[in-house]
Amino acid sequence: MSTVRSNDDGKVGFLSDARRLNVAMTRAKRGLIVIGDGRTLRHDGQWSAWLDWVTESGLMAWHIRD
């Protein structure tokens, strides 16, 4: 899944819709790979919580740090 949002303002647009997030996360049959800009996604509470869980669970595969 590509979150397609990356900006300095932290605007996640349609990604802030909880229904879209639920569908995207629960419909995967074998696995889920999310590609996105964590700095932008962290401006949204649901995405921030999910990113915290991914990090704490050791599931973050790779990321770029500035």
PDB file of N, CA and C in Angstrom:
ATOM      1  N   MET A   1       0.850  -1.166   0.000  1.00  0.00           N
ATOM      2  CA  MET A   1       0.000   0.000   0.000  1.00  0.00           C
ATOM      3  C   MET A   1       0.897   1.230   0.000  1.00  0.00           C
ATOM      4  N   SER A   2       0.630   2.148  -0.880  1.00  0.00           N
ATOM      5  CA  SER A   2       1.352   3.406  -0.918  1.00  0.00           C
ATOM      6  C   SER A   2       0.443   4.493  -0.370  1.00  0.00           C
ATOM      7  N   THR A   3       0.946   5.247   0.588  1.00  0.00           N
ATOM      8  CA  THR A   3       0.113   6.281   1.201  1.00  0.00           C
ATOM      9  C   THR A   3       0.100   7.574   0.392  1.00  0.00           C
ATOM     10  N   VAL A   4       0.930   7.697  -0.581  1.00  0.00           N
ATOM     11  CA  VAL A   4       0.970   8.782  -1.564  1.00  0.00           C
ATOM     12  C   VAL A   4       0.959  10.205  -1.005  1.00  0.00           C
ATOM     13  N   ARG A   5       1.238  10.381   0.257  1.00  0.00           N
ATOM     14  CA  ARG A   5       1.270  11.724   0.823  1.00  0.00           C
ATOM     15  C   ARG A   5       2.637  12.000   1.426  1.00  0.00           C
ATOM     16  N   SER A   6       3.208  13.144   1.073  1.00  0.00           N
ATOM     17  CA  SER A   6       4.471  13.589   1.638  1.00  0.00           C
ATOM     18  C   SER A   6       4.530  15.097   1.487  1.00  0.00           C
ATOM     19  N   ASN A   7       4.451  15.800   2.605  1.00  0.00           N
ATOM     20  CA  ASN A   7       4.518  17.255   2.547  1.00  0.00           C
ATOM     21  C   ASN A   7       4.950  17.818   3.894  1.00  0.00           C
ATOM     22  N   ASP A   8       5.452  19.026   3.877  1.00  0.00           N
ATOM     23  CA  ASP A   8       5.934  19.677   5.101  1.00  0.00           C
ATOM     24  C   ASP A   8       4.805  20.106   6.025  1.00  0.00           C
ATOM     25  N   ASP A   9       3.584  20.232   5.496  1.00  0.00           N
ATOM     26  CA  ASP A   9       2.450  20.684   6.298  1.00  0.00           C
ATOM     27  C   ASP A   9       1.791  19.553   7.086  1.00  0.00           C
ATOM     28  N   GLY A  10       2.144  18.311   6.794  1.00  0.00           N
ATOM     29  CA  GLY A  10       1.559  17.174   7.487  1.00  0.00           C
ATOM     30  C   GLY A  10       0.122  16.894   7.097  1.00  0.00           C
ATOM     31  N   LYS A  11      -0.262  17.289   5.909  1.00  0.00           N
ATOM     32  CA  LYS A  11      -1.637  17.058   5.446  1.00  0.00           C
ATOM     33  C   LYS A  11      -1.724  15.667   4.817  1.00  0.00           C
ATOM     34  N   VAL A  12      -2.543  14.813   5.418  1.00  0.00           N
ATOM     35  CA  VAL A  12      -2.662  13.445   4.926  1.00  0.00           C
ATOM     36  C   VAL A  12      -3.866  13.255   4.020  1.00  0.00           C
ATOM     37  N   GLY A  13      -4.699  14.260   3.873  1.00  0.00           N
ATOM     38  CA  GLY A  13      -5.831  14.200   2.953  1.00  0.00           C
ATOM     39  C   GLY A  13      -6.768  13.049   3.253  1.00  0.00           C
ATOM     40  N   PHE A  14      -7.135  12.301   2.207  1.00  0.00           N
ATOM     41  CA  PHE A  14      -8.101  11.208   2.356  1.00  0.00           C
ATOM     42  C   PHE A  14      -7.597  10.109   3.278  1.00  0.00           C
ATOM     43  N   LEU A  15      -6.304  10.071   3.556  1.00  0.00           N
ATOM     44  CA  LEU A  15      -5.763   9.036   4.441  1.00  0.00           C
ATOM     45  C   LEU A  15      -6.229   9.192   5.881  1.00  0.00           C
ATOM     46  N   SER A  16      -6.801  10.342   6.220  1.00  0.00           N
ATOM     47  CA  SER A  16      -7.292  10.545   7.589  1.00  0.00           C
ATOM     48  C   SER A  16      -8.653   9.883   7.813  1.00  0.00           C
ATOM     49  N   ASP A  17      -9.263   9.388   6.744  1.00  0.00           N
ATOM     50  CA  ASP A  17     -10.558   8.702   6.853  1.00  0.00           C
ATOM     51  C   ASP A  17     -10.344   7.323   7.475  1.00  0.00           C
ATOM     52  N   ALA A  18     -10.869   7.112   8.681  1.00  0.00           N
ATOM     53  CA  ALA A  18     -10.668   5.863   9.413  1.00  0.00           C
ATOM     54  C   ALA A  18     -11.181   4.659   8.632  1.00  0.00           C
ATOM     55  N   ARG A  19     -12.232   4.841   7.862  1.00  0.00           N
ATOM     56  CA  ARG A  19     -12.771   3.724   7.072  1.00  0.00           C
ATOM     57  C   ARG A  19     -11.784   3.261   6.011  1.00  0.00           C
ATOM     58  N   ARG A  20     -11.130   4.212   5.362  1.00  0.00           N
ATOM     59  CA  ARG A  20     -10.127   3.855   4.347  1.00  0.00           C
ATOM     60  C   ARG A  20      -8.957   3.117   4.988  1.00  0.00           C
ATOM     61  N   LEU A  21      -8.518   3.605   6.137  1.00  0.00           N
ATOM     62  CA  LEU A  21      -7.418   2.947   6.836  1.00  0.00           C
ATOM     63  C   LEU A  21      -7.816   1.523   7.229  1.00  0.00           C
ATOM     64  N   ASN A  22      -9.008   1.357   7.749  1.00  0.00           N
ATOM     65  CA  ASN A  22      -9.488   0.044   8.149  1.00  0.00           C
ATOM     66  C   ASN A  22      -9.513  -0.918   6.960  1.00  0.00           C
ATOM     67  N   VAL A  23     -10.063  -0.474   5.845  1.00  0.00           N
ATOM     68  CA  VAL A  23     -10.138  -1.332   4.658  1.00  0.00           C
ATOM     69  C   VAL A  23      -8.733  -1.690   4.184  1.00  0.00           C
ATOM     70  N   ALA A  24      -7.861  -0.714   4.114  1.00  0.00           N
ATOM     71  CA  ALA A  24      -6.507  -0.964   3.626  1.00  0.00           C
ATOM     72  C   ALA A  24      -5.758  -1.955   4.511  1.00  0.00           C
ATOM     73  N   MET A  25      -5.935  -1.846   5.814  1.00  0.00           N
ATOM     74  CA  MET A  25      -5.184  -2.688   6.744  1.00  0.00           C
ATOM     75  C   MET A  25      -5.790  -4.083   6.911  1.00  0.00           C
ATOM     76  N   THR A  26      -7.073  -4.224   6.725  1.00  0.00           N
ATOM     77  CA  THR A  26      -7.711  -5.506   7.028  1.00  0.00           C
ATOM     78  C   THR A  26      -7.975  -6.380   5.811  1.00  0.00           C
ATOM     79  N   ARG A  27      -7.774  -5.867   4.612  1.00  0.00           N
ATOM     80  CA  ARG A  27      -8.083  -6.659   3.425  1.00  0.00           C
ATOM     81  C   ARG A  27      -6.901  -7.453   2.892  1.00  0.00           C
ATOM     82  N   ALA A  28      -5.732  -7.230   3.442  1.00  0.00           N
ATOM     83  CA  ALA A  28      -4.553  -7.961   2.969  1.00  0.00           C
ATOM     84  C   ALA A  28      -4.713  -9.450   3.270  1.00  0.00           C
ATOM     85  N   LYS A  29      -4.443 -10.276   2.289  1.00  0.00           N
ATOM     86  CA  LYS A  29      -4.620 -11.729   2.433  1.00  0.00           C
ATOM     87  C   LYS A  29      -3.370 -12.406   3.010  1.00  0.00           C
ATOM     88  N   ARG A  30      -2.197 -12.001   2.571  1.00  0.00           N
ATOM     89  CA  ARG A  30      -0.970 -12.692   2.971  1.00  0.00           C
ATOM     90  C   ARG A  30       0.013 -11.805   3.717  1.00  0.00           C
ATOM     91  N   GLY A  31      -0.098 -10.531   3.575  1.00  0.00           N
ATOM     92  CA  GLY A  31       0.824  -9.612   4.228  1.00  0.00           C
ATOM     93  C   GLY A  31       0.534  -8.191   3.798  1.00  0.00           C
ATOM     94  N   LEU A  32       1.149  -7.260   4.479  1.00  0.00           N
ATOM     95  CA  LEU A  32       0.909  -5.850   4.170  1.00  0.00           C
ATOM     96  C   LEU A  32       2.220  -5.096   4.229  1.00  0.00           C
ATOM     97  N   ILE A  33       2.521  -4.399   3.166  1.00  0.00           N
ATOM     98  CA  ILE A  33       3.670  -3.512   3.121  1.00  0.00           C
ATOM     99  C   ILE A  33       3.125  -2.114   2.894  1.00  0.00           C
ATOM    100  N   VAL A  34       3.473  -1.200   3.782  1.00  0.00           N
ATOM    101  CA  VAL A  34       3.021   0.185   3.669  1.00  0.00           C
ATOM    102  C   VAL A  34       4.227   1.040   3.337  1.00  0.00           C
ATOM    103  N   ILE A  35       4.117   1.811   2.282  1.00  0.00           N
ATOM    104  CA  ILE A  35       5.172   2.731   1.876  1.00  0.00           C
ATOM    105  C   ILE A  35       4.644   4.137   2.075  1.00  0.00           C
ATOM    106  N   GLY A  36       5.372   4.941   2.829  1.00  0.00           N
ATOM    107  CA  GLY A  36       4.902   6.297   3.073  1.00  0.00           C
ATOM    108  C   GLY A  36       5.916   7.137   3.814  1.00  0.00           C
ATOM    109  N   ASP A  37       5.599   8.384   3.971  1.00  0.00           N
ATOM    110  CA  ASP A  37       6.435   9.340   4.682  1.00  0.00           C
ATOM    111  C   ASP A  37       5.954   9.443   6.124  1.00  0.00           C
ATOM    112  N   GLY A  38       6.681   8.837   7.025  1.00  0.00           N
ATOM    113  CA  GLY A  38       6.304   8.837   8.437  1.00  0.00           C
ATOM    114  C   GLY A  38       6.176  10.225   9.027  1.00  0.00           C
ATOM    115  N   ARG A  39       6.987  11.149   8.558  1.00  0.00           N
ATOM    116  CA  ARG A  39       6.905  12.523   9.079  1.00  0.00           C
ATOM    117  C   ARG A  39       5.566  13.153   8.747  1.00  0.00           C
ATOM    118  N   THR A  40       5.035  12.860   7.590  1.00  0.00           N
ATOM    119  CA  THR A  40       3.710  13.373   7.213  1.00  0.00           C
ATOM    120  C   THR A  40       2.619  12.592   7.929  1.00  0.00           C
ATOM    121  N   LEU A  41       2.701  11.265   7.918  1.00  0.00           N
ATOM    122  CA  LEU A  41       1.659  10.429   8.510  1.00  0.00           C
ATOM    123  C   LEU A  41       1.514  10.648  10.016  1.00  0.00           C
ATOM    124  N   ARG A  42       2.588  10.997  10.705  1.00  0.00           N
ATOM    125  CA  ARG A  42       2.521  11.199  12.160  1.00  0.00           C
ATOM    126  C   ARG A  42       1.656  12.396  12.562  1.00  0.00           C
ATOM    127  N   HIS A  43       1.290  13.245  11.626  1.00  0.00           N
ATOM    128  CA  HIS A  43       0.399  14.359  11.941  1.00  0.00           C
ATOM    129  C   HIS A  43      -1.044  13.898  12.153  1.00  0.00           C
ATOM    130  N   ASP A  44      -1.339  12.670  11.771  1.00  0.00           N
ATOM    131  CA  ASP A  44      -2.663  12.097  11.967  1.00  0.00           C
ATOM    132  C   ASP A  44      -2.588  11.118  13.139  1.00  0.00           C
ATOM    133  N   GLY A  45      -3.519  11.217  14.073  1.00  0.00           N
ATOM    134  CA  GLY A  45      -3.498  10.398  15.282  1.00  0.00           C
ATOM    135  C   GLY A  45      -3.527   8.902  15.039  1.00  0.00           C
ATOM    136  N   GLN A  46      -4.365   8.453  14.114  1.00  0.00           N
ATOM    137  CA  GLN A  46      -4.458   7.017  13.834  1.00  0.00           C
ATOM    138  C   GLN A  46      -3.186   6.483  13.193  1.00  0.00           C
ATOM    139  N   TRP A  47      -2.678   7.211  12.235  1.00  0.00           N
ATOM    140  CA  TRP A  47      -1.439   6.783  11.598  1.00  0.00           C
ATOM    141  C   TRP A  47      -0.279   6.821  12.586  1.00  0.00           C
ATOM    142  N   SER A  48      -0.252   7.833  13.428  1.00  0.00           N
ATOM    143  CA  SER A  48       0.814   7.933  14.420  1.00  0.00           C
ATOM    144  C   SER A  48       0.793   6.733  15.366  1.00  0.00           C
ATOM    145  N   ALA A  49      -0.398   6.367  15.822  1.00  0.00           N
ATOM    146  CA  ALA A  49      -0.529   5.205  16.708  1.00  0.00           C
ATOM    147  C   ALA A  49      -0.083   3.938  15.997  1.00  0.00           C
ATOM    148  N   TRP A  50      -0.449   3.786  14.739  1.00  0.00           N
ATOM    149  CA  TRP A  50      -0.054   2.603  13.983  1.00  0.00           C
ATOM    150  C   TRP A  50       1.459   2.567  13.797  1.00  0.00           C
ATOM    151  N   LEU A  51       2.048   3.717  13.471  1.00  0.00           N
ATOM    152  CA  LEU A  51       3.505   3.780  13.312  1.00  0.00           C
ATOM    153  C   LEU A  51       4.219   3.468  14.622  1.00  0.00           C
ATOM    154  N   ASP A  52       3.667   3.917  15.743  1.00  0.00           N
ATOM    155  CA  ASP A  52       4.241   3.576  17.055  1.00  0.00           C
ATOM    156  C   ASP A  52       4.222   2.069  17.257  1.00  0.00           C
ATOM    157  N   TRP A  53       3.081   1.441  16.938  1.00  0.00           N
ATOM    158  CA  TRP A  53       2.948  -0.004  17.102  1.00  0.00           C
ATOM    159  C   TRP A  53       3.944  -0.750  16.204  1.00  0.00           C
ATOM    160  N   VAL A  54       4.067  -0.307  14.954  1.00  0.00           N
ATOM    161  CA  VAL A  54       4.996  -0.937  14.019  1.00  0.00           C
ATOM    162  C   VAL A  54       6.428  -0.836  14.564  1.00  0.00           C
ATOM    163  N   THR A  55       6.789   0.324  15.042  1.00  0.00           N
ATOM    164  CA  THR A  55       8.139   0.536  15.562  1.00  0.00           C
ATOM    165  C   THR A  55       8.388  -0.310  16.807  1.00  0.00           C
ATOM    166  N   GLU A  56       7.451  -0.258  17.764  1.00  0.00           N
ATOM    167  CA  GLU A  56       7.602  -1.015  19.008  1.00  0.00           C
ATOM    168  C   GLU A  56       7.620  -2.525  18.771  1.00  0.00           C
ATOM    169  N   SER A  57       6.942  -2.971  17.735  1.00  0.00           N
ATOM    170  CA  SER A  57       6.875  -4.397  17.422  1.00  0.00           C
ATOM    171  C   SER A  57       8.071  -4.866  16.594  1.00  0.00           C
ATOM    172  N   GLY A  58       8.940  -3.943  16.243  1.00  0.00           N
ATOM    173  CA  GLY A  58      10.114  -4.301  15.439  1.00  0.00           C
ATOM    174  C   GLY A  58       9.759  -4.644  14.002  1.00  0.00           C
ATOM    175  N   LEU A  59       8.689  -4.080  13.485  1.00  0.00           N
ATOM    176  CA  LEU A  59       8.229  -4.396  12.139  1.00  0.00           C
ATOM    177  C   LEU A  59       8.628  -3.365  11.089  1.00  0.00           C
ATOM    178  N   MET A  60       9.270  -2.300  11.509  1.00  0.00           N
ATOM    179  CA  MET A  60       9.714  -1.281  10.558  1.00  0.00           C
ATOM    180  C   MET A  60      10.888  -1.873   9.783  1.00  0.00           C
ATOM    181  N   ALA A  61      10.675  -2.106   8.502  1.00  0.00           N
ATOM    182  CA  ALA A  61      11.687  -2.791   7.718  1.00  0.00           C
ATOM    183  C   ALA A  61      12.839  -1.870   7.315  1.00  0.00           C
ATOM    184  N   TRP A  62      12.512  -0.652   6.953  1.00  0.00           N
ATOM    185  CA  TRP A  62      13.538   0.246   6.480  1.00  0.00           C
ATOM    186  C   TRP A  62      12.988   1.659   6.438  1.00  0.00           C
ATOM    187  N   HIS A  63      13.798   2.611   6.756  1.00  0.00           N
ATOM    188  CA  HIS A  63      13.355   4.000   6.673  1.00  0.00           C
ATOM    189  C   HIS A  63      14.560   4.916   6.505  1.00  0.00           C
ATOM    190  N   ILE A  64      14.290   6.116   6.064  1.00  0.00           N
ATOM    191  CA  ILE A  64      15.329   7.118   5.859  1.00  0.00           C
ATOM    192  C   ILE A  64      15.249   8.115   7.004  1.00  0.00           C
ATOM    193  N   ARG A  65      16.367   8.451   7.551  1.00  0.00           N
ATOM    194  CA  ARG A  65      16.428   9.503   8.580  1.00  0.00           C
ATOM    195  C   ARG A  65      17.177  10.687   8.021  1.00  0.00           C
ATOM    196  N   ASP A  66      16.652  11.850   8.293  1.00  0.00           N
ATOM    197  CA  ASP A  66      17.349  13.079   7.854  1.00  0.00           C
ATOM    198  C   ASP A  66      18.450  13.428   8.820  1.00  0.00           C
TER     199      ASP A  66
END
